[in-house]
Amino acid sequence: MFRLELKIPPVALVALFALAIWFVARMSPWAGVQIPGSEWVALMLLITGFALIIAGAVVFISAKTTVNPMTPRLATSIVSCGIYKLSRNPMYVGLFIMLAAWVICLGNILSALLLPLFILCINRFQIIPEENALLEKFGDGYVDYLKSVRRWL
């Protein structure tokens, strides 16, 4: 399992989950639900998720640190301003919200069960290894940040 840590780009993981969500919805039409205004809800969630990703990336770029989630050891600083005061992982929150938009768009309750699995996977194979690399690099300064800001929201 350690071989998967920091090896699957988060965007690729989202694509895999989006495909799995579609497949589950396709294979279980009996689990379909009607959500009034689902297209608008999905669109608003999609825009929100994208905005979180952009906000997170802009702060990283402004801090002149790496945006590449595969190379946390290249980070040059602890980013704790802007959106990072609210969440340690706003870009991953954005990706999750975009997956939730896809679930709502498809209108299948069974496919929603894959959302917690996405959180488990991104935590295990991306976020925790990132945090370990940043702890190793920044020590007590990063420990303080971990104590003051939640991982997700």
C-alpha atoms as a PDB file:
ATOM      1  CA  MET A   1       0.000   0.000   0.000  1.00  0.00           C
ATOM      2  CA  PHE A   2       2.898   2.362   0.670  1.00  0.00           C
ATOM      3  CA  ARG A   3       3.796   2.153  -3.016  1.00  0.00           C
ATOM      4  CA  LEU A   4       0.587   4.031  -3.843  1.00  0.00           C
ATOM      5  CA  GLU A   5       1.404   6.995  -1.609  1.00  0.00           C
ATOM      6  CA  LEU A   6       1.881  10.158  -3.676  1.00  0.00           C
ATOM      7  CA  LYS A   7       1.809   8.067  -6.863  1.00  0.00           C
ATOM      8  CA  ILE A   8      -1.703   8.688  -8.201  1.00  0.00           C
ATOM      9  CA  PRO A   9      -2.286  12.324  -9.118  1.00  0.00           C
ATOM     10  CA  PRO A  10      -5.403  13.575  -7.295  1.00  0.00           C
ATOM     11  CA  VAL A  11      -6.980  14.641 -10.598  1.00  0.00           C
ATOM     12  CA  ALA A  12      -6.529  11.076 -11.897  1.00  0.00           C
ATOM     13  CA  LEU A  13      -8.115   9.729  -8.717  1.00  0.00           C
ATOM     14  CA  VAL A  14     -11.069  12.067  -9.237  1.00  0.00           C
ATOM     15  CA  ALA A  15     -11.397  10.858 -12.827  1.00  0.00           C
ATOM     16  CA  LEU A  16     -11.401   7.238 -11.639  1.00  0.00           C
ATOM     17  CA  PHE A  17     -14.040   7.995  -9.031  1.00  0.00           C
ATOM     18  CA  ALA A  18     -16.126   9.974 -11.526  1.00  0.00           C
ATOM     19  CA  LEU A  19     -16.059   6.958 -13.835  1.00  0.00           C
ATOM     20  CA  ALA A  20     -16.944   4.618 -10.961  1.00  0.00           C
ATOM     21  CA  ILE A  21     -19.808   6.906  -9.901  1.00  0.00           C
ATOM     22  CA  TRP A  22     -21.139   6.894 -13.469  1.00  0.00           C
ATOM     23  CA  PHE A  23     -20.786   3.095 -13.684  1.00  0.00           C
ATOM     24  CA  VAL A  24     -22.653   2.541 -10.405  1.00  0.00           C
ATOM     25  CA  ALA A  25     -25.421   4.896 -11.531  1.00  0.00           C
ATOM     26  CA  ARG A  26     -25.637   3.130 -14.886  1.00  0.00           C
ATOM     27  CA  MET A  27     -25.757  -0.326 -13.276  1.00  0.00           C
ATOM     28  CA  SER A  28     -28.343   0.624 -10.652  1.00  0.00           C
ATOM     29  CA  PRO A  29     -31.113   2.642 -12.283  1.00  0.00           C
ATOM     30  CA  TRP A  30     -33.432   1.454  -9.493  1.00  0.00           C
ATOM     31  CA  ALA A  31     -31.456   3.703  -7.101  1.00  0.00           C
ATOM     32  CA  GLY A  32     -32.244   6.828  -9.106  1.00  0.00           C
ATOM     33  CA  VAL A  33     -33.751   9.767  -7.270  1.00  0.00           C
ATOM     34  CA  GLN A  34     -35.380  12.931  -8.495  1.00  0.00           C
ATOM     35  CA  ILE A  35     -33.716  16.018  -7.073  1.00  0.00           C
ATOM     36  CA  PRO A  36     -35.641  19.215  -7.839  1.00  0.00           C
ATOM     37  CA  GLY A  37     -33.326  21.665  -9.561  1.00  0.00           C
ATOM     38  CA  SER A  38     -30.524  19.092  -9.685  1.00  0.00           C
ATOM     39  CA  GLU A  39     -28.916  20.694 -12.731  1.00  0.00           C
ATOM     40  CA  TRP A  40     -28.628  24.041 -10.950  1.00  0.00           C
ATOM     41  CA  VAL A  41     -27.468  22.484  -7.695  1.00  0.00           C
ATOM     42  CA  ALA A  42     -24.836  20.475  -9.550  1.00  0.00           C
ATOM     43  CA  LEU A  43     -23.704  23.542 -11.480  1.00  0.00           C
ATOM     44  CA  MET A  44     -23.388  25.636  -8.306  1.00  0.00           C
ATOM     45  CA  LEU A  45     -21.402  22.864  -6.613  1.00  0.00           C
ATOM     46  CA  LEU A  46     -19.178  22.497  -9.660  1.00  0.00           C
ATOM     47  CA  ILE A  47     -18.441  26.228  -9.673  1.00  0.00           C
ATOM     48  CA  THR A  48     -17.816  26.218  -5.910  1.00  0.00           C
ATOM     49  CA  GLY A  49     -15.433  23.264  -6.161  1.00  0.00           C
ATOM     50  CA  PHE A  50     -13.546  24.867  -9.015  1.00  0.00           C
ATOM     51  CA  ALA A  51     -13.332  28.179  -7.124  1.00  0.00           C
ATOM     52  CA  LEU A  52     -11.826  26.423  -4.089  1.00  0.00           C
ATOM     53  CA  ILE A  53      -9.214  24.753  -6.277  1.00  0.00           C
ATOM     54  CA  ILE A  54      -8.298  28.057  -7.926  1.00  0.00           C
ATOM     55  CA  ALA A  55      -8.217  29.895  -4.565  1.00  0.00           C
ATOM     56  CA  GLY A  56      -5.876  27.286  -3.116  1.00  0.00           C
ATOM     57  CA  ALA A  57      -3.590  27.289  -6.131  1.00  0.00           C
ATOM     58  CA  VAL A  58      -3.407  31.102  -6.240  1.00  0.00           C
ATOM     59  CA  VAL A  59      -2.260  31.245  -2.606  1.00  0.00           C
ATOM     60  CA  PHE A  60       0.404  28.569  -3.252  1.00  0.00           C
ATOM     61  CA  ILE A  61       1.638  30.419  -6.339  1.00  0.00           C
ATOM     62  CA  SER A  62       1.695  33.720  -4.415  1.00  0.00           C
ATOM     63  CA  ALA A  63       3.762  32.042  -1.701  1.00  0.00           C
ATOM     64  CA  LYS A  64       6.130  30.741  -4.409  1.00  0.00           C
ATOM     65  CA  THR A  65       5.763  27.156  -3.285  1.00  0.00           C
ATOM     66  CA  THR A  66       4.937  24.026  -5.236  1.00  0.00           C
ATOM     67  CA  VAL A  67       1.387  23.388  -6.368  1.00  0.00           C
ATOM     68  CA  ASN A  68       2.334  19.861  -7.461  1.00  0.00           C
ATOM     69  CA  PRO A  69       0.676  17.452  -5.019  1.00  0.00           C
ATOM     70  CA  MET A  70       3.095  14.694  -5.999  1.00  0.00           C
ATOM     71  CA  THR A  71       6.136  16.534  -4.635  1.00  0.00           C
ATOM     72  CA  PRO A  72       5.360  17.956  -1.177  1.00  0.00           C
ATOM     73  CA  ARG A  73       9.049  17.801  -0.270  1.00  0.00           C
ATOM     74  CA  LEU A  74       9.611  20.676  -2.709  1.00  0.00           C
ATOM     75  CA  ALA A  75       7.446  22.990  -0.597  1.00  0.00           C
ATOM     76  CA  THR A  76       9.305  26.141   0.339  1.00  0.00           C
ATOM     77  CA  SER A  77       6.995  27.347   3.110  1.00  0.00           C
ATOM     78  CA  ILE A  78       3.971  26.551   5.239  1.00  0.00           C
ATOM     79  CA  VAL A  79       1.020  28.261   3.584  1.00  0.00           C
ATOM     80  CA  SER A  80      -1.431  29.306   6.284  1.00  0.00           C
ATOM     81  CA  CYS A  81      -3.050  32.426   4.854  1.00  0.00           C
ATOM     82  CA  GLY A  82      -6.110  32.984   2.693  1.00  0.00           C
ATOM     83  CA  ILE A  83      -8.247  29.903   2.196  1.00  0.00           C
ATOM     84  CA  TYR A  84      -5.646  27.897   4.144  1.00  0.00           C
ATOM     85  CA  LYS A  85      -6.881  29.536   7.358  1.00  0.00           C
ATOM     86  CA  LEU A  86     -10.120  27.554   6.921  1.00  0.00           C
ATOM     87  CA  SER A  87      -8.883  24.241   5.522  1.00  0.00           C
ATOM     88  CA  ARG A  88      -5.506  22.576   5.140  1.00  0.00           C
ATOM     89  CA  ASN A  89      -6.728  21.039   1.877  1.00  0.00           C
ATOM     90  CA  PRO A  90      -9.075  23.399   0.048  1.00  0.00           C
ATOM     91  CA  MET A  91      -8.115  21.965  -3.329  1.00  0.00           C
ATOM     92  CA  TYR A  92      -9.100  18.454  -2.219  1.00  0.00           C
ATOM     93  CA  VAL A  93     -12.311  19.852  -0.741  1.00  0.00           C
ATOM     94  CA  GLY A  94     -12.936  21.396  -4.156  1.00  0.00           C
ATOM     95  CA  LEU A  95     -12.366  18.068  -5.903  1.00  0.00           C
ATOM     96  CA  PHE A  96     -14.739  16.352  -3.469  1.00  0.00           C
ATOM     97  CA  ILE A  97     -17.428  18.998  -4.078  1.00  0.00           C
ATOM     98  CA  MET A  98     -17.039  18.500  -7.819  1.00  0.00           C
ATOM     99  CA  LEU A  99     -17.559  14.737  -7.367  1.00  0.00           C
ATOM    100  CA  ALA A 100     -20.637  15.477  -5.263  1.00  0.00           C
ATOM    101  CA  ALA A 101     -21.915  17.650  -8.126  1.00  0.00           C
ATOM    102  CA  TRP A 102     -21.489  14.680 -10.463  1.00  0.00           C
ATOM    103  CA  VAL A 103     -23.464  12.443  -8.076  1.00  0.00           C
ATOM    104  CA  ILE A 104     -26.277  15.010  -7.960  1.00  0.00           C
ATOM    105  CA  CYS A 105     -26.209  15.402 -11.730  1.00  0.00           C
ATOM    106  CA  LEU A 106     -26.591  11.632 -12.157  1.00  0.00           C
ATOM    107  CA  GLY A 107     -29.304  11.461  -9.484  1.00  0.00           C
ATOM    108  CA  ASN A 108     -28.354   8.059  -8.100  1.00  0.00           C
ATOM    109  CA  ILE A 109     -28.282   7.527  -4.344  1.00  0.00           C
ATOM    110  CA  LEU A 110     -26.145   4.389  -4.584  1.00  0.00           C
ATOM    111  CA  SER A 111     -23.379   6.248  -6.409  1.00  0.00           C
ATOM    112  CA  ALA A 112     -23.224   8.686  -3.473  1.00  0.00           C
ATOM    113  CA  LEU A 113     -21.751   5.852  -1.402  1.00  0.00           C
ATOM    114  CA  LEU A 114     -18.515   6.295  -3.338  1.00  0.00           C
ATOM    115  CA  LEU A 115     -17.985   9.808  -1.937  1.00  0.00           C
ATOM    116  CA  PRO A 116     -16.797   8.614   1.508  1.00  0.00           C
ATOM    117  CA  LEU A 117     -14.528   6.110  -0.244  1.00  0.00           C
ATOM    118  CA  PHE A 118     -12.943   8.994  -2.164  1.00  0.00           C
ATOM    119  CA  ILE A 119     -12.243  10.756   1.139  1.00  0.00           C
ATOM    120  CA  LEU A 120     -10.659   7.608   2.570  1.00  0.00           C
ATOM    121  CA  CYS A 121      -8.451   7.159  -0.508  1.00  0.00           C
ATOM    122  CA  ILE A 122      -7.342  10.783  -0.793  1.00  0.00           C
ATOM    123  CA  ASN A 123      -6.625  10.873   2.953  1.00  0.00           C
ATOM    124  CA  ARG A 124      -4.630   7.631   2.924  1.00  0.00           C
ATOM    125  CA  PHE A 125      -2.661   7.950  -0.286  1.00  0.00           C
ATOM    126  CA  GLN A 126      -2.280  11.712  -0.684  1.00  0.00           C
ATOM    127  CA  ILE A 127      -3.030  13.871   2.347  1.00  0.00           C
ATOM    128  CA  ILE A 128      -1.353  11.825   5.081  1.00  0.00           C
ATOM    129  CA  PRO A 129       1.842  11.316   3.028  1.00  0.00           C
ATOM    130  CA  GLU A 130       1.866  15.055   2.225  1.00  0.00           C
ATOM    131  CA  GLU A 131       1.468  15.899   5.905  1.00  0.00           C
ATOM    132  CA  ASN A 132       4.279  13.498   6.841  1.00  0.00           C
ATOM    133  CA  ALA A 133       6.604  15.087   4.289  1.00  0.00           C
ATOM    134  CA  LEU A 134       5.746  18.588   5.539  1.00  0.00           C
ATOM    135  CA  LEU A 135       6.199  17.527   9.173  1.00  0.00           C
ATOM    136  CA  GLU A 136       9.615  16.190   8.300  1.00  0.00           C
ATOM    137  CA  LYS A 137      10.531  19.374   6.468  1.00  0.00           C
ATOM    138  CA  PHE A 138       9.014  22.072   8.710  1.00  0.00           C
ATOM    139  CA  GLY A 139       8.769  20.378  12.127  1.00  0.00           C
ATOM    140  CA  ASP A 140       7.114  22.319  14.952  1.00  0.00           C
ATOM    141  CA  GLY A 141       5.887  25.106  12.691  1.00  0.00           C
ATOM    142  CA  TYR A 142       3.826  22.590  10.756  1.00  0.00           C
ATOM    143  CA  VAL A 143       2.664  20.881  13.973  1.00  0.00           C
ATOM    144  CA  ASP A 144       1.260  24.239  15.095  1.00  0.00           C
ATOM    145  CA  TYR A 145      -0.541  24.615  11.769  1.00  0.00           C
ATOM    146  CA  LEU A 146      -1.982  21.089  12.046  1.00  0.00           C
ATOM    147  CA  LYS A 147      -3.362  21.964  15.483  1.00  0.00           C
ATOM    148  CA  SER A 148      -4.929  25.235  14.351  1.00  0.00           C
ATOM    149  CA  VAL A 149      -6.584  24.306  11.022  1.00  0.00           C
ATOM    150  CA  ARG A 150      -8.785  21.319  10.195  1.00  0.00           C
ATOM    151  CA  ARG A 151      -7.811  18.862   7.486  1.00  0.00           C
ATOM    152  CA  TRP A 152     -11.039  19.263   5.506  1.00  0.00           C
ATOM    153  CA  LEU A 153     -13.385  21.897   6.923  1.00  0.00           C
END
